Amino acid sequence: MTLTTEHKASVVAEHGSTETDTGSTPVQIALLTDRIKELTEHAKLHPHDHHSKRGLLKLVGQRKRLMKYMNKHDHSHYRALIQKLGIRG
């Protein structure tokens, strides 16, 4: 249920400025998006797993705060990132 090291490295390489750039906002948003997608699928299969649902809601809130920060400080990259990740319709 967790992301593999290889998958994390590919996300970092795709969204980060360098391959070790794990702390930048776009990379964090991309990693959270992948975890949210996995937990959403888990929640569909296990509707009574309330602990995972709570974790999912916490991840969504964290991603929302990061996206708000990115929108405020770098709007052009924010628009490109949500387009690339397909977060908003």
N, C-alpha and C. Protein backbone atom coordinates (compact mmCIF):
# COMPACT_ATOMS: atom_id res chain seq x y z
N MET A 1 0.81 -1.19 0.00
CA MET A 1 0.00 0.00 0.00
C MET A 1 0.86 1.26 0.00
N THR A 2 2.11 1.13 0.34
CA THR A 2 3.00 2.29 0.30
C THR A 2 3.64 2.40 -1.07
N LEU A 3 4.18 3.56 -1.34
CA LEU A 3 4.87 3.78 -2.60
C LEU A 3 6.25 3.15 -2.55
N THR A 4 6.66 2.55 -3.64
CA THR A 4 7.97 1.92 -3.69
C THR A 4 9.05 2.98 -3.89
N THR A 5 10.26 2.64 -3.58
CA THR A 5 11.38 3.55 -3.71
C THR A 5 11.59 3.96 -5.16
N GLU A 6 11.42 3.01 -6.07
CA GLU A 6 11.60 3.30 -7.49
C GLU A 6 10.54 4.28 -7.98
N HIS A 7 9.30 4.09 -7.51
CA HIS A 7 8.23 4.98 -7.93
C HIS A 7 8.46 6.39 -7.39
N LYS A 8 8.88 6.49 -6.13
CA LYS A 8 9.17 7.80 -5.55
C LYS A 8 10.29 8.48 -6.31
N ALA A 9 11.32 7.73 -6.68
CA ALA A 9 12.43 8.30 -7.43
C ALA A 9 11.98 8.82 -8.78
N SER A 10 11.07 8.10 -9.44
CA SER A 10 10.59 8.57 -10.74
C SER A 10 9.73 9.82 -10.60
N VAL A 11 8.94 9.91 -9.54
CA VAL A 11 8.13 11.12 -9.30
C VAL A 11 9.04 12.31 -9.00
N VAL A 12 10.07 12.08 -8.20
CA VAL A 12 11.02 13.15 -7.87
C VAL A 12 11.75 13.61 -9.12
N ALA A 13 12.16 12.66 -9.96
CA ALA A 13 12.85 13.02 -11.20
C ALA A 13 11.95 13.80 -12.14
N GLU A 14 10.66 13.48 -12.14
CA GLU A 14 9.73 14.14 -13.05
C GLU A 14 9.36 15.54 -12.59
N HIS A 15 9.17 15.72 -11.28
CA HIS A 15 8.66 16.99 -10.77
C HIS A 15 9.70 17.85 -10.07
N GLY A 16 10.83 17.28 -9.69
CA GLY A 16 11.85 18.04 -8.97
C GLY A 16 12.85 18.69 -9.90
N SER A 17 13.60 19.64 -9.36
CA SER A 17 14.62 20.31 -10.17
C SER A 17 15.86 19.44 -10.30
N THR A 18 16.14 18.61 -9.30
CA THR A 18 17.22 17.62 -9.36
C THR A 18 16.66 16.29 -8.90
N GLU A 19 17.46 15.23 -9.02
CA GLU A 19 16.94 13.92 -8.61
C GLU A 19 16.91 13.72 -7.10
N THR A 20 17.54 14.62 -6.36
CA THR A 20 17.49 14.54 -4.89
C THR A 20 16.59 15.62 -4.30
N ASP A 21 15.82 16.29 -5.13
CA ASP A 21 14.94 17.38 -4.70
C ASP A 21 13.62 16.81 -4.19
N THR A 22 13.62 16.31 -2.96
CA THR A 22 12.41 15.69 -2.43
C THR A 22 11.56 16.65 -1.62
N GLY A 23 12.07 17.81 -1.29
CA GLY A 23 11.35 18.71 -0.40
C GLY A 23 10.62 19.83 -1.08
N SER A 24 10.77 19.99 -2.38
CA SER A 24 10.10 21.10 -3.05
C SER A 24 8.59 20.85 -3.09
N THR A 25 7.85 21.92 -3.17
CA THR A 25 6.40 21.84 -3.12
C THR A 25 5.81 20.98 -4.23
N PRO A 26 6.23 21.12 -5.51
CA PRO A 26 5.63 20.27 -6.54
C PRO A 26 5.87 18.78 -6.31
N VAL A 27 7.04 18.43 -5.81
CA VAL A 27 7.33 17.02 -5.55
C VAL A 27 6.46 16.50 -4.42
N GLN A 28 6.31 17.28 -3.36
CA GLN A 28 5.47 16.85 -2.25
C GLN A 28 4.03 16.68 -2.68
N ILE A 29 3.53 17.60 -3.50
CA ILE A 29 2.15 17.50 -3.99
C ILE A 29 1.99 16.26 -4.85
N ALA A 30 2.96 15.98 -5.72
CA ALA A 30 2.88 14.81 -6.60
C ALA A 30 2.90 13.52 -5.79
N LEU A 31 3.76 13.44 -4.77
CA LEU A 31 3.81 12.24 -3.94
C LEU A 31 2.52 12.05 -3.14
N LEU A 32 2.00 13.15 -2.60
CA LEU A 32 0.74 13.06 -1.87
C LEU A 32 -0.40 12.63 -2.79
N THR A 33 -0.39 13.11 -4.03
CA THR A 33 -1.43 12.73 -4.98
C THR A 33 -1.40 11.23 -5.26
N ASP A 34 -0.21 10.67 -5.40
CA ASP A 34 -0.10 9.23 -5.62
C ASP A 34 -0.62 8.44 -4.42
N ARG A 35 -0.26 8.89 -3.22
CA ARG A 35 -0.74 8.20 -2.01
C ARG A 35 -2.26 8.32 -1.87
N ILE A 36 -2.80 9.50 -2.23
CA ILE A 36 -4.24 9.71 -2.16
C ILE A 36 -4.96 8.79 -3.14
N LYS A 37 -4.41 8.63 -4.33
CA LYS A 37 -5.02 7.73 -5.31
C LYS A 37 -5.04 6.29 -4.81
N GLU A 38 -3.94 5.85 -4.20
CA GLU A 38 -3.88 4.49 -3.66
C GLU A 38 -4.88 4.29 -2.53
N LEU A 39 -4.96 5.27 -1.62
CA LEU A 39 -5.89 5.13 -0.50
C LEU A 39 -7.34 5.23 -0.95
N THR A 40 -7.60 5.98 -2.00
CA THR A 40 -8.96 6.06 -2.53
C THR A 40 -9.41 4.71 -3.06
N GLU A 41 -8.52 4.03 -3.77
CA GLU A 41 -8.84 2.69 -4.26
C GLU A 41 -9.04 1.72 -3.09
N HIS A 42 -8.22 1.84 -2.07
CA HIS A 42 -8.35 1.00 -0.88
C HIS A 42 -9.71 1.25 -0.20
N ALA A 43 -10.10 2.52 -0.11
CA ALA A 43 -11.36 2.87 0.55
C ALA A 43 -12.56 2.33 -0.23
N LYS A 44 -12.43 2.24 -1.54
CA LYS A 44 -13.52 1.68 -2.34
C LYS A 44 -13.68 0.18 -2.09
N LEU A 45 -12.55 -0.50 -1.90
CA LEU A 45 -12.61 -1.94 -1.65
C LEU A 45 -13.01 -2.28 -0.21
N HIS A 46 -12.64 -1.42 0.74
CA HIS A 46 -12.88 -1.66 2.16
C HIS A 46 -13.65 -0.48 2.76
N PRO A 47 -14.96 -0.43 2.56
CA PRO A 47 -15.73 0.75 3.01
C PRO A 47 -15.81 0.92 4.52
N HIS A 48 -15.54 -0.11 5.29
CA HIS A 48 -15.63 0.00 6.75
C HIS A 48 -14.29 0.28 7.41
N ASP A 49 -13.26 0.54 6.63
CA ASP A 49 -11.93 0.84 7.18
C ASP A 49 -11.85 2.33 7.49
N HIS A 50 -12.32 2.69 8.66
CA HIS A 50 -12.41 4.10 9.03
C HIS A 50 -11.05 4.72 9.33
N HIS A 51 -10.11 3.93 9.77
CA HIS A 51 -8.78 4.46 10.06
C HIS A 51 -8.08 4.91 8.78
N SER A 52 -8.22 4.15 7.73
CA SER A 52 -7.62 4.54 6.45
C SER A 52 -8.33 5.76 5.87
N LYS A 53 -9.64 5.84 6.08
CA LYS A 53 -10.38 7.01 5.59
C LYS A 53 -9.90 8.28 6.30
N ARG A 54 -9.63 8.16 7.58
CA ARG A 54 -9.13 9.31 8.32
C ARG A 54 -7.76 9.73 7.80
N GLY A 55 -6.90 8.74 7.55
CA GLY A 55 -5.59 9.04 6.98
C GLY A 55 -5.71 9.68 5.62
N LEU A 56 -6.66 9.21 4.82
CA LEU A 56 -6.90 9.80 3.51
C LEU A 56 -7.31 11.26 3.63
N LEU A 57 -8.19 11.55 4.55
CA LEU A 57 -8.63 12.94 4.74
C LEU A 57 -7.49 13.82 5.22
N LYS A 58 -6.61 13.29 6.05
CA LYS A 58 -5.45 14.06 6.50
C LYS A 58 -4.52 14.36 5.33
N LEU A 59 -4.31 13.39 4.45
CA LEU A 59 -3.45 13.61 3.28
C LEU A 59 -4.06 14.63 2.34
N VAL A 60 -5.37 14.58 2.15
CA VAL A 60 -6.04 15.54 1.28
C VAL A 60 -5.89 16.95 1.86
N GLY A 61 -6.03 17.10 3.17
CA GLY A 61 -5.86 18.40 3.80
C GLY A 61 -4.44 18.93 3.67
N GLN A 62 -3.48 18.05 3.82
CA GLN A 62 -2.07 18.45 3.69
C GLN A 62 -1.78 18.89 2.26
N ARG A 63 -2.29 18.14 1.28
CA ARG A 63 -2.08 18.51 -0.12
C ARG A 63 -2.77 19.84 -0.43
N LYS A 64 -3.94 20.05 0.16
CA LYS A 64 -4.67 21.30 -0.06
C LYS A 64 -3.87 22.49 0.45
N ARG A 65 -3.26 22.33 1.63
CA ARG A 65 -2.46 23.43 2.18
C ARG A 65 -1.24 23.70 1.32
N LEU A 66 -0.58 22.65 0.83
CA LEU A 66 0.58 22.83 -0.05
C LEU A 66 0.18 23.50 -1.36
N MET A 67 -0.98 23.12 -1.89
CA MET A 67 -1.43 23.71 -3.14
C MET A 67 -1.79 25.19 -2.95
N LYS A 68 -2.35 25.51 -1.81
CA LYS A 68 -2.68 26.91 -1.50
C LYS A 68 -1.40 27.74 -1.43
N TYR A 69 -0.36 27.17 -0.78
CA TYR A 69 0.93 27.85 -0.69
C TYR A 69 1.53 28.05 -2.09
N MET A 70 1.49 27.00 -2.90
CA MET A 70 2.08 27.09 -4.23
C MET A 70 1.31 28.07 -5.11
N ASN A 71 0.00 28.11 -4.98
CA ASN A 71 -0.81 29.06 -5.75
C ASN A 71 -0.46 30.49 -5.38
N LYS A 72 -0.21 30.72 -4.11
CA LYS A 72 0.10 32.07 -3.65
C LYS A 72 1.48 32.52 -4.10
N HIS A 73 2.46 31.61 -4.11
CA HIS A 73 3.84 32.01 -4.38
C HIS A 73 4.31 31.79 -5.81
N ASP A 74 3.70 30.86 -6.54
CA ASP A 74 4.15 30.57 -7.90
C ASP A 74 2.97 30.08 -8.72
N HIS A 75 2.12 31.03 -9.13
CA HIS A 75 0.85 30.68 -9.75
C HIS A 75 1.03 29.96 -11.09
N SER A 76 2.00 30.34 -11.89
CA SER A 76 2.15 29.71 -13.21
C SER A 76 2.55 28.23 -13.07
N HIS A 77 3.46 27.92 -12.15
CA HIS A 77 3.84 26.53 -11.93
C HIS A 77 2.70 25.74 -11.28
N TYR A 78 1.91 26.43 -10.47
CA TYR A 78 0.75 25.80 -9.84
C TYR A 78 -0.24 25.33 -10.90
N ARG A 79 -0.56 26.20 -11.86
CA ARG A 79 -1.49 25.84 -12.93
C ARG A 79 -0.95 24.67 -13.75
N ALA A 80 0.36 24.69 -14.04
CA ALA A 80 0.97 23.61 -14.82
C ALA A 80 0.92 22.30 -14.06
N LEU A 81 1.16 22.36 -12.75
CA LEU A 81 1.18 21.13 -11.94
C LEU A 81 -0.21 20.49 -11.84
N ILE A 82 -1.24 21.29 -11.58
CA ILE A 82 -2.57 20.69 -11.47
C ILE A 82 -3.04 20.15 -12.82
N GLN A 83 -2.58 20.77 -13.90
CA GLN A 83 -2.90 20.26 -15.24
C GLN A 83 -2.21 18.92 -15.46
N LYS A 84 -0.93 18.85 -15.07
CA LYS A 84 -0.13 17.64 -15.27
C LYS A 84 -0.64 16.47 -14.42
N LEU A 85 -1.00 16.75 -13.18
CA LEU A 85 -1.46 15.69 -12.28
C LEU A 85 -2.94 15.36 -12.45
N GLY A 86 -3.68 16.24 -13.10
CA GLY A 86 -5.11 16.02 -13.30
C GLY A 86 -5.88 16.10 -12.00
N ILE A 87 -5.51 17.04 -11.14
CA ILE A 87 -6.14 17.15 -9.83
C ILE A 87 -7.53 17.79 -9.94
N ARG A 88 -7.60 18.85 -10.70
CA ARG A 88 -8.89 19.55 -10.82
C ARG A 88 -9.32 19.54 -12.27
N GLY A 89 -10.62 19.34 -12.45
CA GLY A 89 -11.22 19.17 -13.76
C GLY A 89 -10.96 20.25 -14.72
